[in-house]
Amino acid sequence: MGFIHQTQIISHALFAVFYPNQCQICDVDLTMNEKHVCLACSYDLPYIAQNEYQLQQLQQLFWGRVEVESVFSLLNYQRGNQTQRILHQLKYKKKKKLGSYFGEVLGATIIAETKFDLILPIPLHPKKERQRGFNQSSIIAEGIAKKINIPVSKKYLIRHAYNESQTQFSKYDRWQNVKRIFKVMHPHELENKHVLLVDDVLTTGATLEACVVELMQIKNCTISIATLAARI
């Protein structure tokens, strides 16, 4: 037994040399009890408090625009902060496990809320998804699904027009850039359903609004939103 235990320790050590397990925020080596993010960074992240005031702030982003039942988000996004680094690692460094991990953390914050029928990730255009190799919103949605035990479906929302990146646009131009680029498939199957729409980050809300506009055409379809990060 001692020999087997010693062999396991050596194997873990060799694995760590060739496949270093580092914090995705500060690059420090993780301990065996840490997952993707070290405890120090996890403690310092700018979490959005899951209280009535903060959740109302999130909902206010859509007031007077579209009807949204609830809005959930985990991290406060500001240019240059740790949240931006997490999103960059996920989208451009292909850190899919990081997205799934934080999706689970986000899911844990909404587990006691209203039961949803489906989780719908915001789709990428097929061309962009091929370029990136994955859809970050789908990764986050799968993480949420592990916690709230609701199925994820990618068949209902499609992005039928290729649009430019939103990063350099004003709030008005962002809306112009995304309006009417989404289409709902099999809308009758979403009648009388409560769907949770998932995206990576909520800033102006233009992309999410464009999706909600299409879903609102469905009879008795209730829409809530969950994002990994939001600017509030």
Protein backbone atom coordinates (compact mmCIF):
# COMPACT_ATOMS: atom_id res chain seq x y z
CA MET A 1 0.00 0.00 0.00
CA GLY A 2 2.85 2.36 0.83
CA PHE A 3 4.48 1.68 -2.53
CA ILE A 4 1.22 2.42 -4.39
CA HIS A 5 0.72 5.66 -2.45
CA GLN A 6 4.31 6.73 -3.18
CA THR A 7 3.82 5.95 -6.86
CA GLN A 8 0.69 8.11 -6.95
CA ILE A 9 2.56 11.04 -5.38
CA ILE A 10 5.35 10.72 -7.95
CA SER A 11 2.80 10.54 -10.78
CA HIS A 12 1.05 13.70 -9.55
CA ALA A 13 4.40 15.48 -9.31
CA LEU A 14 5.42 14.48 -12.84
CA PHE A 15 2.00 15.51 -14.18
CA ALA A 16 2.39 18.92 -12.53
CA VAL A 17 5.78 19.40 -14.20
CA PHE A 18 4.58 18.66 -17.71
CA TYR A 19 1.02 19.98 -17.32
CA PRO A 20 1.23 22.80 -14.78
CA ASN A 21 -2.02 23.62 -13.02
CA GLN A 22 -2.04 27.37 -12.53
CA CYS A 23 -4.54 29.98 -11.46
CA GLN A 24 -6.24 31.36 -14.57
CA ILE A 25 -6.09 34.88 -13.12
CA CYS A 26 -2.69 35.33 -11.44
CA ASP A 27 -0.79 32.27 -12.80
CA VAL A 28 0.28 31.04 -9.34
CA ASP A 29 0.49 27.24 -8.97
CA LEU A 30 -2.72 25.79 -7.57
CA THR A 31 -2.85 23.43 -4.62
CA MET A 32 -4.64 20.09 -4.86
CA ASN A 33 -7.72 21.63 -3.21
CA GLU A 34 -7.97 24.55 -5.64
CA LYS A 35 -9.76 24.42 -8.99
CA HIS A 36 -8.95 26.78 -11.87
CA VAL A 37 -8.69 29.83 -9.58
CA CYS A 38 -6.57 30.15 -6.44
CA LEU A 39 -8.30 30.96 -3.16
CA ALA A 40 -6.74 34.42 -3.00
CA CYS A 41 -8.08 35.43 -6.42
CA SER A 42 -11.41 33.75 -5.79
CA TYR A 43 -11.79 35.75 -2.58
CA ASP A 44 -10.88 39.04 -4.31
CA LEU A 45 -13.15 38.68 -7.34
CA PRO A 46 -15.74 41.48 -7.72
CA TYR A 47 -18.82 39.39 -7.07
CA ILE A 48 -22.25 40.90 -7.59
CA ALA A 49 -24.16 40.55 -4.34
CA GLN A 50 -27.24 38.37 -4.82
CA ASN A 51 -29.50 40.73 -2.90
CA GLU A 52 -32.68 42.54 -3.92
CA TYR A 53 -30.90 45.84 -4.65
CA GLN A 54 -28.23 44.38 -6.95
CA LEU A 55 -30.67 42.09 -8.76
CA GLN A 56 -32.98 45.05 -9.35
CA GLN A 57 -30.03 46.98 -10.82
CA LEU A 58 -29.56 44.18 -13.32
CA GLN A 59 -33.25 44.16 -14.23
CA GLN A 60 -33.24 47.94 -14.68
CA LEU A 61 -30.90 47.50 -17.64
CA PHE A 62 -33.91 46.16 -19.56
CA TRP A 63 -36.67 48.39 -18.19
CA GLY A 64 -38.59 50.11 -20.98
CA ARG A 65 -36.94 47.87 -23.56
CA VAL A 66 -38.14 44.27 -23.25
CA GLU A 67 -40.01 42.12 -20.73
CA VAL A 68 -37.63 40.04 -18.64
CA GLU A 69 -38.71 38.04 -15.59
CA SER A 70 -35.36 37.86 -13.74
CA VAL A 71 -31.71 38.70 -14.39
CA PHE A 72 -28.81 36.91 -12.69
CA SER A 73 -25.10 37.64 -12.93
CA LEU A 74 -22.06 36.57 -10.95
CA LEU A 75 -19.24 39.10 -11.47
CA ASN A 76 -19.05 42.86 -11.89
CA TYR A 77 -17.35 43.68 -15.18
CA GLN A 78 -15.26 46.82 -15.55
CA ARG A 79 -12.54 47.48 -18.08
CA GLY A 80 -9.20 46.21 -16.75
CA ASN A 81 -10.54 44.32 -13.74
CA GLN A 82 -10.17 40.60 -12.95
CA THR A 83 -13.50 39.80 -14.55
CA GLN A 84 -12.24 41.06 -17.89
CA ARG A 85 -9.24 38.75 -17.58
CA ILE A 86 -11.52 35.77 -16.91
CA LEU A 87 -13.63 36.57 -19.98
CA HIS A 88 -10.48 37.01 -22.09
CA GLN A 89 -9.11 33.66 -20.92
CA LEU A 90 -12.39 31.97 -21.77
CA LYS A 91 -13.02 33.53 -25.18
CA TYR A 92 -9.54 33.96 -26.63
CA LYS A 93 -7.34 31.51 -24.70
CA LYS A 94 -9.86 28.67 -25.03
CA LYS A 95 -10.09 28.08 -21.27
CA LYS A 96 -13.36 26.18 -21.56
CA LYS A 97 -13.02 24.49 -18.17
CA LEU A 98 -12.82 27.94 -16.58
CA GLY A 99 -16.14 28.89 -18.21
CA SER A 100 -17.77 25.68 -17.06
CA TYR A 101 -16.46 26.17 -13.52
CA PHE A 102 -17.82 29.71 -13.21
CA GLY A 103 -21.04 28.56 -14.86
CA GLU A 104 -21.47 26.14 -11.97
CA VAL A 105 -20.73 28.91 -9.47
CA LEU A 106 -23.35 31.10 -11.18
CA GLY A 107 -25.81 28.20 -11.21
CA ALA A 108 -25.39 27.79 -7.46
CA THR A 109 -26.61 31.38 -6.95
CA ILE A 110 -29.88 30.76 -8.80
CA ILE A 111 -30.59 27.19 -7.72
CA ALA A 112 -33.36 28.24 -5.32
CA GLU A 113 -35.09 30.51 -7.83
CA THR A 114 -38.04 29.82 -10.14
CA LYS A 115 -37.81 26.53 -12.00
CA PHE A 116 -36.99 26.95 -15.66
CA ASP A 117 -37.99 24.65 -18.48
CA LEU A 118 -34.96 25.18 -20.73
CA ILE A 119 -31.60 26.91 -20.84
CA LEU A 120 -30.86 28.67 -24.14
CA PRO A 121 -27.31 29.91 -24.78
CA ILE A 122 -26.92 32.96 -27.01
CA PRO A 123 -25.74 31.48 -30.33
CA LEU A 124 -22.70 32.51 -32.31
CA HIS A 125 -22.84 32.68 -36.08
CA PRO A 126 -21.59 29.32 -37.45
CA LYS A 127 -18.64 31.06 -39.11
CA LYS A 128 -17.52 32.65 -35.84
CA GLU A 129 -18.04 29.44 -33.90
CA ARG A 130 -15.88 27.56 -36.39
CA GLN A 131 -13.16 30.21 -36.02
CA ARG A 132 -13.25 30.12 -32.22
CA GLY A 133 -13.86 26.38 -31.95
CA PHE A 134 -16.66 26.71 -29.38
CA ASN A 135 -19.41 28.99 -28.10
CA GLN A 136 -18.50 30.48 -24.72
CA SER A 137 -22.17 31.02 -23.84
CA SER A 138 -22.83 27.30 -24.34
CA ILE A 139 -19.93 26.44 -22.04
CA ILE A 140 -21.34 28.69 -19.29
CA ALA A 141 -24.86 27.32 -19.88
CA GLU A 142 -23.63 23.74 -19.44
CA GLY A 143 -22.04 24.73 -16.13
CA ILE A 144 -25.29 26.29 -14.93
CA ALA A 145 -27.20 23.18 -16.02
CA LYS A 146 -25.06 21.00 -13.76
CA LYS A 147 -26.31 22.96 -10.75
CA ILE A 148 -29.96 23.60 -11.55
CA ASN A 149 -30.56 20.33 -13.42
CA ILE A 150 -32.34 21.94 -16.38
CA PRO A 151 -31.55 20.86 -19.97
CA VAL A 152 -29.59 23.07 -22.37
CA SER A 153 -30.89 23.31 -25.91
CA LYS A 154 -29.16 24.84 -28.91
CA LYS A 155 -31.87 24.11 -31.46
CA TYR A 156 -34.24 27.00 -30.74
CA LEU A 157 -32.06 30.06 -31.32
CA ILE A 158 -29.91 30.60 -34.40
CA ARG A 159 -27.79 33.54 -35.50
CA HIS A 160 -28.54 33.83 -39.20
CA ALA A 161 -26.46 36.95 -39.94
CA TYR A 162 -22.76 37.49 -39.36
CA ASN A 163 -22.16 40.76 -37.52
CA GLU A 164 -19.06 42.65 -36.45
CA SER A 165 -17.64 42.53 -32.92
CA GLN A 166 -19.56 44.74 -30.48
CA THR A 167 -16.52 45.96 -28.54
CA GLN A 168 -15.96 49.26 -30.36
CA PHE A 169 -19.58 50.28 -30.83
CA SER A 170 -21.67 52.80 -28.90
CA LYS A 171 -24.87 51.65 -27.17
CA TYR A 172 -27.04 52.74 -30.12
CA ASP A 173 -24.68 51.24 -32.70
CA ARG A 174 -24.58 47.96 -30.79
CA TRP A 175 -28.34 47.68 -31.11
CA GLN A 176 -28.14 48.47 -34.83
CA ASN A 177 -25.43 45.82 -35.15
CA VAL A 178 -27.49 42.99 -33.64
CA LYS A 179 -31.15 43.72 -34.35
CA ARG A 180 -32.85 41.06 -36.44
CA ILE A 181 -29.79 38.79 -36.55
CA PHE A 182 -31.44 36.07 -34.44
CA LYS A 183 -34.21 33.68 -35.39
CA VAL A 184 -36.32 31.33 -33.25
CA MET A 185 -36.77 27.80 -34.56
CA HIS A 186 -39.73 25.58 -33.56
CA PRO A 187 -41.40 28.47 -31.68
CA HIS A 188 -44.52 26.39 -30.86
CA GLU A 189 -42.36 24.16 -28.64
CA LEU A 190 -41.52 27.17 -26.46
CA GLU A 191 -45.11 28.21 -25.85
CA ASN A 192 -45.95 28.40 -22.13
CA LYS A 193 -42.29 27.79 -21.24
CA HIS A 194 -39.94 29.69 -18.95
CA VAL A 195 -36.53 29.89 -20.62
CA LEU A 196 -33.21 31.01 -19.15
CA LEU A 197 -31.20 32.91 -21.75
CA VAL A 198 -27.43 32.69 -21.11
CA ASP A 199 -24.60 34.93 -22.32
CA ASP A 200 -21.05 35.61 -21.15
CA VAL A 201 -21.31 39.33 -20.33
CA LEU A 202 -24.02 41.98 -20.02
CA THR A 203 -22.90 45.53 -20.81
CA THR A 204 -25.42 47.51 -22.91
CA GLY A 205 -27.69 44.48 -23.17
CA ALA A 206 -28.12 44.91 -26.94
CA THR A 207 -27.38 41.29 -27.89
CA LEU A 208 -29.63 39.86 -25.19
CA GLU A 209 -32.36 42.36 -26.05
CA ALA A 210 -32.27 41.26 -29.68
CA CYS A 211 -32.85 37.65 -28.59
CA VAL A 212 -35.58 38.57 -26.13
CA VAL A 213 -37.43 40.54 -28.83
CA GLU A 214 -37.67 37.37 -30.91
CA LEU A 215 -38.68 35.15 -27.97
CA MET A 216 -41.38 37.62 -26.91
CA GLN A 217 -43.29 36.80 -30.09
CA ILE A 218 -44.01 33.33 -28.68
CA LYS A 219 -47.28 32.79 -26.82
CA ASN A 220 -46.80 32.84 -23.02
CA CYS A 221 -43.03 32.46 -23.25
CA THR A 222 -41.38 33.83 -20.11
CA ILE A 223 -37.74 34.92 -20.39
CA SER A 224 -35.08 35.23 -17.69
CA ILE A 225 -31.40 36.00 -18.21
CA ALA A 226 -28.16 34.75 -16.68
CA THR A 227 -24.69 36.06 -17.51
CA LEU A 228 -21.28 35.29 -16.09
CA ALA A 229 -20.56 39.02 -15.77
CA ALA A 230 -22.38 42.35 -15.96
CA ARG A 231 -21.42 46.03 -15.88
CA ILE A 232 -23.42 47.70 -13.12
